[in-house]
Amino acid sequence: MKEDILQDNLNWLLLQVLFRTKTGLIKLSDEYHLTVMQAVTLCLLKPNEPIPMHLISTMLACDASNVTGIVDRLVTIEYIDRKPSSTDRRVNIISLTEQGATVRSDFFKQIKERGLPNLNALSAEETKQLKSLLKKILAK
């Protein structure tokens, strides 16, 4: 009886999607010898679009000191570059390297192929509706 209640609970269903996605991302990140936060940081960066490092902490909703460690690792393995801003030396600008862009692209491809989450179960129209609904939920 409780299973039926949970299956009809939207918050529970969203949590299940979250947990399945997180589990898949942990496994996938590990295959790339990255933490999930390192992989997500790599995914947040767009090729040829450098951004200030402090924006990563905003996007990840974590402390800047955590981002420093994440960025240090990604710089060490040559997936990103970090340079001082030309206008404010207190600001570091980060960008994808060519190798980082390739890994990022492959990572996204693996997410889709592995169904993290299983969006392949949706029709094109359902996918469009889900995108619209998620944007609405995430709007501030």
Foldseek 3Di string as FASTA:
>chain_A
DVVVVLVPDPVSVVVVLVVLLVVVLCVLCVVVVHGSLLLVLLLVADAPDKDWQVVSCVVVVHDSVVSVVSVVVCVVVQQKDWDADPVGNVIIIMHGDPVSNVVSVVSVVVCQVVPSPPPVVDDPVVVVVVVVVVCVVPDD
